Amino acid sequence: MEELVGQKVKVTLNSISGFVTIIGKIIRSLDQFVLVDTTLGPLYICYSSIKTIQVLGDHHEEK
């Protein structure tokens, strides 16, 4: 997870009622949590609750 620090990501979480998606920038990676800066503020997300993580590219990014 250290390689994702500083990247803008979309995190999909497992939930009883369905899936929850959070978009933000990964600030820090800890042993059991990842800290994501979102529009709601910084959120600590437990690794066990994460279903998928997608890295979002910049619109002006060159291939």
N, C-alpha and C. Protein backbone atom coordinates (compact mmCIF):
# COMPACT_ATOMS: atom_id res chain seq x y z
N MET A 1 0.81 -1.20 0.00
CA MET A 1 0.00 0.00 0.00
C MET A 1 0.85 1.27 0.00
N GLU A 2 2.12 1.16 0.36
CA GLU A 2 2.98 2.34 0.39
C GLU A 2 3.10 2.98 -1.00
N GLU A 3 3.01 2.17 -2.05
CA GLU A 3 3.14 2.71 -3.41
C GLU A 3 1.94 3.57 -3.81
N LEU A 4 0.84 3.48 -3.07
CA LEU A 4 -0.36 4.26 -3.38
C LEU A 4 -0.42 5.59 -2.64
N VAL A 5 0.51 5.83 -1.73
CA VAL A 5 0.51 7.09 -0.97
C VAL A 5 0.71 8.25 -1.94
N GLY A 6 -0.17 9.24 -1.86
CA GLY A 6 -0.13 10.39 -2.75
C GLY A 6 -0.98 10.24 -4.00
N GLN A 7 -1.52 9.06 -4.25
CA GLN A 7 -2.34 8.81 -5.44
C GLN A 7 -3.81 9.09 -5.15
N LYS A 8 -4.52 9.56 -6.19
CA LYS A 8 -5.97 9.71 -6.09
C LYS A 8 -6.59 8.35 -6.41
N VAL A 9 -7.46 7.86 -5.53
CA VAL A 9 -8.01 6.52 -5.68
C VAL A 9 -9.52 6.50 -5.46
N LYS A 10 -10.13 5.43 -5.95
CA LYS A 10 -11.53 5.13 -5.67
C LYS A 10 -11.54 3.83 -4.89
N VAL A 11 -12.05 3.88 -3.65
CA VAL A 11 -12.07 2.73 -2.76
C VAL A 11 -13.50 2.24 -2.63
N THR A 12 -13.73 0.96 -2.91
CA THR A 12 -15.05 0.36 -2.74
C THR A 12 -15.01 -0.51 -1.50
N LEU A 13 -15.98 -0.28 -0.61
CA LEU A 13 -16.03 -0.98 0.67
C LEU A 13 -17.15 -2.00 0.68
N ASN A 14 -16.94 -3.08 1.42
CA ASN A 14 -18.01 -4.04 1.68
C ASN A 14 -18.95 -3.44 2.72
N SER A 15 -20.24 -3.63 2.53
CA SER A 15 -21.23 -3.13 3.47
C SER A 15 -22.39 -4.11 3.51
N ILE A 16 -23.10 -4.15 4.61
CA ILE A 16 -24.26 -5.04 4.73
C ILE A 16 -25.34 -4.66 3.72
N SER A 17 -25.51 -3.36 3.48
CA SER A 17 -26.57 -2.91 2.59
C SER A 17 -26.12 -2.78 1.13
N GLY A 18 -24.89 -3.11 0.82
CA GLY A 18 -24.39 -2.99 -0.55
C GLY A 18 -22.97 -2.49 -0.55
N PHE A 19 -22.60 -1.74 -1.57
CA PHE A 19 -21.24 -1.23 -1.68
C PHE A 19 -21.22 0.27 -1.42
N VAL A 20 -20.16 0.73 -0.78
CA VAL A 20 -19.93 2.14 -0.53
C VAL A 20 -18.65 2.51 -1.27
N THR A 21 -18.68 3.60 -2.03
CA THR A 21 -17.51 4.03 -2.78
C THR A 21 -17.02 5.37 -2.25
N ILE A 22 -15.72 5.46 -2.01
CA ILE A 22 -15.10 6.68 -1.51
C ILE A 22 -13.99 7.07 -2.48
N ILE A 23 -13.97 8.35 -2.86
CA ILE A 23 -12.92 8.86 -3.74
C ILE A 23 -12.09 9.87 -2.96
N GLY A 24 -10.78 9.72 -3.03
CA GLY A 24 -9.90 10.64 -2.32
C GLY A 24 -8.44 10.33 -2.58
N LYS A 25 -7.59 11.01 -1.85
CA LYS A 25 -6.14 10.86 -2.00
C LYS A 25 -5.61 10.14 -0.77
N ILE A 26 -4.81 9.11 -1.00
CA ILE A 26 -4.23 8.36 0.12
C ILE A 26 -3.12 9.19 0.74
N ILE A 27 -3.28 9.46 2.05
CA ILE A 27 -2.31 10.27 2.78
C ILE A 27 -1.25 9.40 3.43
N ARG A 28 -1.71 8.30 4.04
CA ARG A 28 -0.78 7.47 4.81
C ARG A 28 -1.28 6.04 4.84
N SER A 29 -0.35 5.11 4.89
CA SER A 29 -0.66 3.69 4.99
C SER A 29 -0.09 3.17 6.30
N LEU A 30 -0.95 2.58 7.13
CA LEU A 30 -0.56 2.03 8.42
C LEU A 30 -0.66 0.51 8.39
N ASP A 31 -0.42 -0.15 9.53
CA ASP A 31 -0.45 -1.61 9.58
C ASP A 31 -1.80 -2.19 9.20
N GLN A 32 -2.89 -1.65 9.75
CA GLN A 32 -4.21 -2.21 9.50
C GLN A 32 -5.17 -1.22 8.86
N PHE A 33 -4.73 0.03 8.68
CA PHE A 33 -5.60 1.07 8.15
C PHE A 33 -4.89 1.85 7.06
N VAL A 34 -5.70 2.51 6.24
CA VAL A 34 -5.19 3.47 5.27
C VAL A 34 -5.93 4.78 5.53
N LEU A 35 -5.21 5.90 5.48
CA LEU A 35 -5.80 7.21 5.72
C LEU A 35 -6.05 7.87 4.37
N VAL A 36 -7.33 8.18 4.09
CA VAL A 36 -7.73 8.75 2.80
C VAL A 36 -8.32 10.13 3.04
N ASP A 37 -7.82 11.14 2.32
CA ASP A 37 -8.35 12.50 2.40
C ASP A 37 -9.49 12.62 1.39
N THR A 38 -10.71 12.80 1.88
CA THR A 38 -11.89 12.89 1.02
C THR A 38 -12.56 14.25 1.21
N THR A 39 -13.63 14.50 0.47
CA THR A 39 -14.38 15.74 0.65
C THR A 39 -15.09 15.77 2.00
N LEU A 40 -15.28 14.61 2.62
CA LEU A 40 -15.87 14.53 3.96
C LEU A 40 -14.83 14.76 5.05
N GLY A 41 -13.57 14.85 4.67
CA GLY A 41 -12.47 14.96 5.61
C GLY A 41 -11.64 13.70 5.57
N PRO A 42 -10.60 13.63 6.39
CA PRO A 42 -9.77 12.43 6.40
C PRO A 42 -10.50 11.24 7.02
N LEU A 43 -10.41 10.08 6.37
CA LEU A 43 -11.07 8.87 6.86
C LEU A 43 -10.04 7.76 7.02
N TYR A 44 -10.10 7.07 8.16
CA TYR A 44 -9.31 5.86 8.36
C TYR A 44 -10.15 4.69 7.87
N ILE A 45 -9.61 3.89 6.95
CA ILE A 45 -10.33 2.75 6.40
C ILE A 45 -9.54 1.49 6.72
N CYS A 46 -10.21 0.53 7.33
CA CYS A 46 -9.58 -0.75 7.68
C CYS A 46 -9.41 -1.58 6.41
N TYR A 47 -8.24 -2.24 6.28
CA TYR A 47 -7.97 -3.06 5.09
C TYR A 47 -9.01 -4.16 4.91
N SER A 48 -9.50 -4.72 6.00
CA SER A 48 -10.45 -5.84 5.89
C SER A 48 -11.80 -5.40 5.33
N SER A 49 -12.11 -4.10 5.36
CA SER A 49 -13.38 -3.63 4.82
C SER A 49 -13.29 -3.21 3.36
N ILE A 50 -12.08 -3.22 2.78
CA ILE A 50 -11.89 -2.78 1.39
C ILE A 50 -12.14 -3.94 0.44
N LYS A 51 -13.03 -3.69 -0.55
CA LYS A 51 -13.27 -4.69 -1.60
C LYS A 51 -12.32 -4.45 -2.77
N THR A 52 -12.29 -3.22 -3.31
CA THR A 52 -11.37 -2.89 -4.41
C THR A 52 -10.79 -1.49 -4.22
N ILE A 53 -9.62 -1.28 -4.81
CA ILE A 53 -9.00 0.05 -4.88
C ILE A 53 -8.61 0.28 -6.34
N GLN A 54 -9.09 1.40 -6.90
CA GLN A 54 -8.74 1.77 -8.27
C GLN A 54 -7.97 3.09 -8.23
N VAL A 55 -6.85 3.15 -8.93
CA VAL A 55 -6.09 4.40 -9.04
C VAL A 55 -6.72 5.21 -10.16
N LEU A 56 -7.05 6.47 -9.86
CA LEU A 56 -7.67 7.34 -10.84
C LEU A 56 -6.58 8.18 -11.48
N GLY A 57 -6.49 8.15 -12.81
CA GLY A 57 -5.48 8.92 -13.53
C GLY A 57 -5.93 10.35 -13.74
N ASP A 58 -4.97 11.20 -14.04
CA ASP A 58 -5.24 12.60 -14.34
C ASP A 58 -5.70 12.71 -15.80
N HIS A 59 -6.56 13.67 -16.09
CA HIS A 59 -7.06 13.85 -17.46
C HIS A 59 -5.94 14.27 -18.41
N HIS A 60 -4.90 14.89 -17.89
CA HIS A 60 -3.80 15.38 -18.73
C HIS A 60 -2.60 14.45 -18.70
N GLU A 61 -2.82 13.26 -18.21
CA GLU A 61 -1.74 12.29 -18.09
C GLU A 61 -1.37 11.73 -19.46
N GLU A 62 -0.08 11.62 -19.75
CA GLU A 62 0.37 11.05 -21.01
C GLU A 62 0.68 9.58 -20.84
N LYS A 63 0.43 8.80 -21.89
CA LYS A 63 0.69 7.36 -21.84
C LYS A 63 2.10 7.06 -22.26
